[in-house]
Amino acid sequence: MAFIIFGIVLFICIITVTLVLMKKLSNNDIMLDVTATCNGRNEDNQTIMKIYFMYSIGRVASRRREIIGSIEWSEGWMPVSYNLKENGAYHEERLLFATTEQSYCTFDINAAKAIDEQRRGEGYVVLVLESTTHSNISRAGVVLAVTANMVTYQLSDSTSWHNDVVVN
């Protein structure tokens, strides 16, 4: 009887250790992390926020993959440009075009240049405060649609900030 109980406990321990190791080894395989940083004001005295995003696509695809990014923002803010780390360095900012009626816009990510050997990448979107916001908190969210091997994976994360701190 003791031998059977010992065998069951040993089996449960082996399964638990295996699951913990699998979780630990696969941790951070696929992720998206978004943070906001206030960068002062521009020449038009508009508050500038940079929305940084870091992502990892893990083992999603070893061959062909396409990535489309999207930024959404709170009322009063407007995106002006974005920049991606390509081949290990930031190069030139690209303009984003949005109207006051829009609350999101998309941008292309060249997966061949923007993803490093560890299958990670990063970039940022620049937002400016175009009109006074009546809310105490603003937010911005980034969504990445990664299409690999004819399957699309969607990563999303958002960040928020207190307007009293960045506007004054």
C-alpha atoms as a PDB file:
ATOM      1  CA  MET A   1       0.000   0.000   0.000  1.00  0.00           C
ATOM      2  CA  ALA A   2       2.832   2.384   0.874  1.00  0.00           C
ATOM      3  CA  PHE A   3       4.501   1.568  -2.428  1.00  0.00           C
ATOM      4  CA  ILE A   4       1.361   2.630  -4.368  1.00  0.00           C
ATOM      5  CA  ILE A   5       1.045   5.916  -2.445  1.00  0.00           C
ATOM      6  CA  PHE A   6       4.764   6.610  -2.939  1.00  0.00           C
ATOM      7  CA  GLY A   7       4.377   5.937  -6.678  1.00  0.00           C
ATOM      8  CA  ILE A   8       1.400   8.313  -6.980  1.00  0.00           C
ATOM      9  CA  VAL A   9       3.214  11.089  -5.070  1.00  0.00           C
ATOM     10  CA  LEU A  10       6.327  10.596  -7.209  1.00  0.00           C
ATOM     11  CA  PHE A  11       4.226  10.738 -10.398  1.00  0.00           C
ATOM     12  CA  ILE A  12       2.542  14.004  -9.264  1.00  0.00           C
ATOM     13  CA  CYS A  13       5.928  15.517  -8.403  1.00  0.00           C
ATOM     14  CA  ILE A  14       7.374  14.620 -11.814  1.00  0.00           C
ATOM     15  CA  ILE A  15       4.364  16.107 -13.626  1.00  0.00           C
ATOM     16  CA  THR A  16       4.546  19.294 -11.511  1.00  0.00           C
ATOM     17  CA  VAL A  17       8.277  19.783 -12.149  1.00  0.00           C
ATOM     18  CA  THR A  18       7.773  19.169 -15.873  1.00  0.00           C
ATOM     19  CA  LEU A  19       4.986  21.749 -16.091  1.00  0.00           C
ATOM     20  CA  VAL A  20       6.990  24.331 -14.121  1.00  0.00           C
ATOM     21  CA  LEU A  21      10.026  23.842 -16.367  1.00  0.00           C
ATOM     22  CA  MET A  22       7.914  24.103 -19.521  1.00  0.00           C
ATOM     23  CA  LYS A  23       6.342  27.324 -18.228  1.00  0.00           C
ATOM     24  CA  LYS A  24       9.729  28.760 -17.252  1.00  0.00           C
ATOM     25  CA  LEU A  25      11.340  27.909 -20.596  1.00  0.00           C
ATOM     26  CA  SER A  26       8.439  29.286 -22.608  1.00  0.00           C
ATOM     27  CA  ASN A  27       8.142  32.428 -20.467  1.00  0.00           C
ATOM     28  CA  ASN A  28       8.462  35.646 -22.517  1.00  0.00           C
ATOM     29  CA  ASP A  29       8.249  33.748 -25.814  1.00  0.00           C
ATOM     30  CA  ILE A  30       5.423  35.927 -27.059  1.00  0.00           C
ATOM     31  CA  MET A  31       4.931  39.296 -25.415  1.00  0.00           C
ATOM     32  CA  LEU A  32       4.239  42.977 -25.943  1.00  0.00           C
ATOM     33  CA  ASP A  33       5.130  45.646 -23.403  1.00  0.00           C
ATOM     34  CA  VAL A  34       4.020  49.279 -23.790  1.00  0.00           C
ATOM     35  CA  THR A  35       5.214  52.269 -21.730  1.00  0.00           C
ATOM     36  CA  ALA A  36       4.731  56.025 -22.059  1.00  0.00           C
ATOM     37  CA  THR A  37       7.317  58.745 -21.470  1.00  0.00           C
ATOM     38  CA  CYS A  38       6.726  62.494 -21.507  1.00  0.00           C
ATOM     39  CA  ASN A  39       9.294  64.225 -23.731  1.00  0.00           C
ATOM     40  CA  GLY A  40       8.483  67.841 -22.923  1.00  0.00           C
ATOM     41  CA  ARG A  41       7.015  70.197 -25.496  1.00  0.00           C
ATOM     42  CA  ASN A  42       7.571  70.849 -29.182  1.00  0.00           C
ATOM     43  CA  GLU A  43       8.034  74.203 -30.943  1.00  0.00           C
ATOM     44  CA  ASP A  44       4.225  74.678 -31.017  1.00  0.00           C
ATOM     45  CA  ASN A  45       4.137  74.268 -27.194  1.00  0.00           C
ATOM     46  CA  GLN A  46       2.323  70.929 -27.494  1.00  0.00           C
ATOM     47  CA  THR A  47       3.042  68.214 -24.944  1.00  0.00           C
ATOM     48  CA  ILE A  48       4.915  65.260 -26.473  1.00  0.00           C
ATOM     49  CA  MET A  49       4.415  61.668 -25.320  1.00  0.00           C
ATOM     50  CA  LYS A  50       6.484  58.802 -26.655  1.00  0.00           C
ATOM     51  CA  ILE A  51       4.756  55.439 -26.495  1.00  0.00           C
ATOM     52  CA  TYR A  52       7.519  52.816 -26.445  1.00  0.00           C
ATOM     53  CA  PHE A  53       6.718  49.215 -27.289  1.00  0.00           C
ATOM     54  CA  MET A  54       8.893  46.121 -27.054  1.00  0.00           C
ATOM     55  CA  TYR A  55       7.721  42.826 -28.469  1.00  0.00           C
ATOM     56  CA  SER A  56       8.830  39.257 -28.884  1.00  0.00           C
ATOM     57  CA  ILE A  57       7.248  36.808 -31.293  1.00  0.00           C
ATOM     58  CA  GLY A  58       9.000  33.781 -29.816  1.00  0.00           C
ATOM     59  CA  ARG A  59       8.757  30.646 -31.870  1.00  0.00           C
ATOM     60  CA  VAL A  60       5.676  31.793 -33.763  1.00  0.00           C
ATOM     61  CA  ALA A  61       7.388  31.438 -37.100  1.00  0.00           C
ATOM     62  CA  SER A  62      10.768  30.472 -38.323  1.00  0.00           C
ATOM     63  CA  ARG A  63      10.093  31.474 -41.905  1.00  0.00           C
ATOM     64  CA  ARG A  64       7.947  34.128 -43.528  1.00  0.00           C
ATOM     65  CA  ARG A  65       6.069  36.512 -41.246  1.00  0.00           C
ATOM     66  CA  GLU A  66       4.298  39.851 -41.591  1.00  0.00           C
ATOM     67  CA  ILE A  67       3.641  42.341 -38.831  1.00  0.00           C
ATOM     68  CA  ILE A  68       1.197  45.251 -38.822  1.00  0.00           C
ATOM     69  CA  GLY A  69       1.164  47.639 -35.882  1.00  0.00           C
ATOM     70  CA  SER A  70      -1.693  49.792 -34.705  1.00  0.00           C
ATOM     71  CA  ILE A  71      -1.834  52.627 -32.164  1.00  0.00           C
ATOM     72  CA  GLU A  72      -4.966  53.903 -30.476  1.00  0.00           C
ATOM     73  CA  TRP A  73      -5.113  56.982 -28.277  1.00  0.00           C
ATOM     74  CA  SER A  74      -7.300  59.053 -26.003  1.00  0.00           C
ATOM     75  CA  GLU A  75      -9.252  62.110 -27.050  1.00  0.00           C
ATOM     76  CA  GLY A  76      -7.128  65.232 -27.444  1.00  0.00           C
ATOM     77  CA  TRP A  77      -3.958  63.394 -28.453  1.00  0.00           C
ATOM     78  CA  MET A  78      -2.776  62.864 -32.030  1.00  0.00           C
ATOM     79  CA  PRO A  79       0.014  60.642 -33.409  1.00  0.00           C
ATOM     80  CA  VAL A  80       2.589  62.377 -35.561  1.00  0.00           C
ATOM     81  CA  SER A  81       5.310  59.805 -36.205  1.00  0.00           C
ATOM     82  CA  TYR A  82       6.751  56.427 -35.351  1.00  0.00           C
ATOM     83  CA  ASN A  83      10.167  54.822 -35.379  1.00  0.00           C
ATOM     84  CA  LEU A  84      11.265  51.199 -35.328  1.00  0.00           C
ATOM     85  CA  LYS A  85      14.568  49.704 -34.310  1.00  0.00           C
ATOM     86  CA  GLU A  86      15.782  48.086 -37.530  1.00  0.00           C
ATOM     87  CA  ASN A  87      18.991  46.081 -37.815  1.00  0.00           C
ATOM     88  CA  GLY A  88      19.804  46.996 -34.199  1.00  0.00           C
ATOM     89  CA  ALA A  89      19.407  50.800 -34.377  1.00  0.00           C
ATOM     90  CA  TYR A  90      16.768  53.511 -34.677  1.00  0.00           C
ATOM     91  CA  HIS A  91      16.958  55.296 -37.994  1.00  0.00           C
ATOM     92  CA  GLU A  92      14.514  57.951 -39.200  1.00  0.00           C
ATOM     93  CA  GLU A  93      11.034  58.645 -37.911  1.00  0.00           C
ATOM     94  CA  ARG A  94       8.164  57.982 -40.295  1.00  0.00           C
ATOM     95  CA  LEU A  95       5.083  60.157 -40.363  1.00  0.00           C
ATOM     96  CA  LEU A  96       1.671  58.905 -39.268  1.00  0.00           C
ATOM     97  CA  PHE A  97      -1.412  60.397 -40.825  1.00  0.00           C
ATOM     98  CA  ALA A  98      -4.629  60.602 -38.806  1.00  0.00           C
ATOM     99  CA  THR A  99      -7.645  62.885 -38.723  1.00  0.00           C
ATOM    100  CA  THR A 100      -9.365  64.285 -35.661  1.00  0.00           C
ATOM    101  CA  GLU A 101     -12.226  61.816 -36.185  1.00  0.00           C
ATOM    102  CA  GLN A 102      -9.896  58.819 -35.899  1.00  0.00           C
ATOM    103  CA  SER A 103      -8.923  57.149 -32.651  1.00  0.00           C
ATOM    104  CA  TYR A 104      -6.378  54.730 -34.154  1.00  0.00           C
ATOM    105  CA  CYS A 105      -4.026  54.338 -37.109  1.00  0.00           C
ATOM    106  CA  THR A 106      -1.835  51.555 -38.452  1.00  0.00           C
ATOM    107  CA  PHE A 107       1.780  51.262 -39.516  1.00  0.00           C
ATOM    108  CA  ASP A 108       3.838  48.569 -41.233  1.00  0.00           C
ATOM    109  CA  ILE A 109       6.711  46.723 -39.596  1.00  0.00           C
ATOM    110  CA  ASN A 110       9.298  45.150 -41.877  1.00  0.00           C
ATOM    111  CA  ALA A 111       9.819  41.862 -40.005  1.00  0.00           C
ATOM    112  CA  ALA A 112      13.041  41.071 -41.858  1.00  0.00           C
ATOM    113  CA  LYS A 113      14.700  44.244 -40.525  1.00  0.00           C
ATOM    114  CA  ALA A 114      12.820  44.882 -37.257  1.00  0.00           C
ATOM    115  CA  ILE A 115      13.198  41.482 -35.575  1.00  0.00           C
ATOM    116  CA  ASP A 116      16.589  40.479 -34.170  1.00  0.00           C
ATOM    117  CA  GLU A 117      18.102  37.023 -33.671  1.00  0.00           C
ATOM    118  CA  GLN A 118      16.145  36.522 -30.426  1.00  0.00           C
ATOM    119  CA  ARG A 119      12.941  37.311 -32.381  1.00  0.00           C
ATOM    120  CA  ARG A 120      12.450  40.586 -30.533  1.00  0.00           C
ATOM    121  CA  GLY A 121      11.875  44.128 -31.684  1.00  0.00           C
ATOM    122  CA  GLU A 122      11.069  47.572 -30.408  1.00  0.00           C
ATOM    123  CA  GLY A 123       9.844  50.959 -31.493  1.00  0.00           C
ATOM    124  CA  TYR A 124       7.923  54.026 -30.413  1.00  0.00           C
ATOM    125  CA  VAL A 125       5.066  56.250 -31.517  1.00  0.00           C
ATOM    126  CA  VAL A 126       5.082  59.998 -30.877  1.00  0.00           C
ATOM    127  CA  LEU A 127       1.805  61.570 -29.705  1.00  0.00           C
ATOM    128  CA  VAL A 128       1.183  65.288 -29.218  1.00  0.00           C
ATOM    129  CA  LEU A 129      -1.581  66.944 -27.234  1.00  0.00           C
ATOM    130  CA  GLU A 130      -3.573  68.776 -29.896  1.00  0.00           C
ATOM    131  CA  SER A 131      -6.494  69.948 -27.780  1.00  0.00           C
ATOM    132  CA  THR A 132      -7.194  70.241 -24.090  1.00  0.00           C
ATOM    133  CA  THR A 133      -8.532  67.063 -22.615  1.00  0.00           C
ATOM    134  CA  HIS A 134     -11.140  67.143 -19.871  1.00  0.00           C
ATOM    135  CA  SER A 135     -10.153  63.750 -18.518  1.00  0.00           C
ATOM    136  CA  ASN A 136      -7.620  63.298 -15.726  1.00  0.00           C
ATOM    137  CA  ILE A 137      -6.153  60.179 -17.342  1.00  0.00           C
ATOM    138  CA  SER A 138      -5.163  59.486 -20.936  1.00  0.00           C
ATOM    139  CA  ARG A 139      -4.198  56.177 -22.449  1.00  0.00           C
ATOM    140  CA  ALA A 140      -2.587  54.723 -25.533  1.00  0.00           C
ATOM    141  CA  GLY A 141      -2.642  51.153 -26.738  1.00  0.00           C
ATOM    142  CA  VAL A 142      -0.536  49.256 -29.224  1.00  0.00           C
ATOM    143  CA  VAL A 143      -1.775  46.216 -31.125  1.00  0.00           C
ATOM    144  CA  LEU A 144       0.503  44.054 -33.239  1.00  0.00           C
ATOM    145  CA  ALA A 145      -0.948  41.587 -35.720  1.00  0.00           C
ATOM    146  CA  VAL A 146       1.690  38.966 -36.507  1.00  0.00           C
ATOM    147  CA  THR A 147       0.846  36.752 -39.457  1.00  0.00           C
ATOM    148  CA  ALA A 148       3.027  33.689 -39.723  1.00  0.00           C
ATOM    149  CA  ASN A 149       2.440  30.515 -41.689  1.00  0.00           C
ATOM    150  CA  MET A 150      -1.057  31.757 -42.645  1.00  0.00           C
ATOM    151  CA  VAL A 151      -2.103  32.206 -38.978  1.00  0.00           C
ATOM    152  CA  THR A 152      -2.542  35.647 -37.390  1.00  0.00           C
ATOM    153  CA  TYR A 153      -1.618  36.238 -33.760  1.00  0.00           C
ATOM    154  CA  GLN A 154      -2.668  39.463 -32.067  1.00  0.00           C
ATOM    155  CA  LEU A 155      -0.603  41.044 -29.297  1.00  0.00           C
ATOM    156  CA  SER A 156      -1.944  44.037 -27.404  1.00  0.00           C
ATOM    157  CA  ASP A 157      -0.960  46.143 -24.428  1.00  0.00           C
ATOM    158  CA  SER A 158      -1.751  49.645 -23.258  1.00  0.00           C
ATOM    159  CA  THR A 159      -0.462  52.296 -20.906  1.00  0.00           C
ATOM    160  CA  SER A 160      -2.004  55.319 -19.224  1.00  0.00           C
ATOM    161  CA  TRP A 161      -0.813  58.524 -17.599  1.00  0.00           C
ATOM    162  CA  HIS A 162      -2.180  61.383 -15.506  1.00  0.00           C
ATOM    163  CA  ASN A 163      -2.733  64.469 -17.627  1.00  0.00           C
ATOM    164  CA  ASP A 164      -2.048  66.816 -14.695  1.00  0.00           C
ATOM    165  CA  VAL A 165       1.586  65.707 -14.676  1.00  0.00           C
ATOM    166  CA  VAL A 166       2.325  66.009 -18.412  1.00  0.00           C
ATOM    167  CA  VAL A 167       0.194  69.024 -19.350  1.00  0.00           C
ATOM    168  CA  ASN A 168       1.390  71.406 -16.629  1.00  0.00           C
END
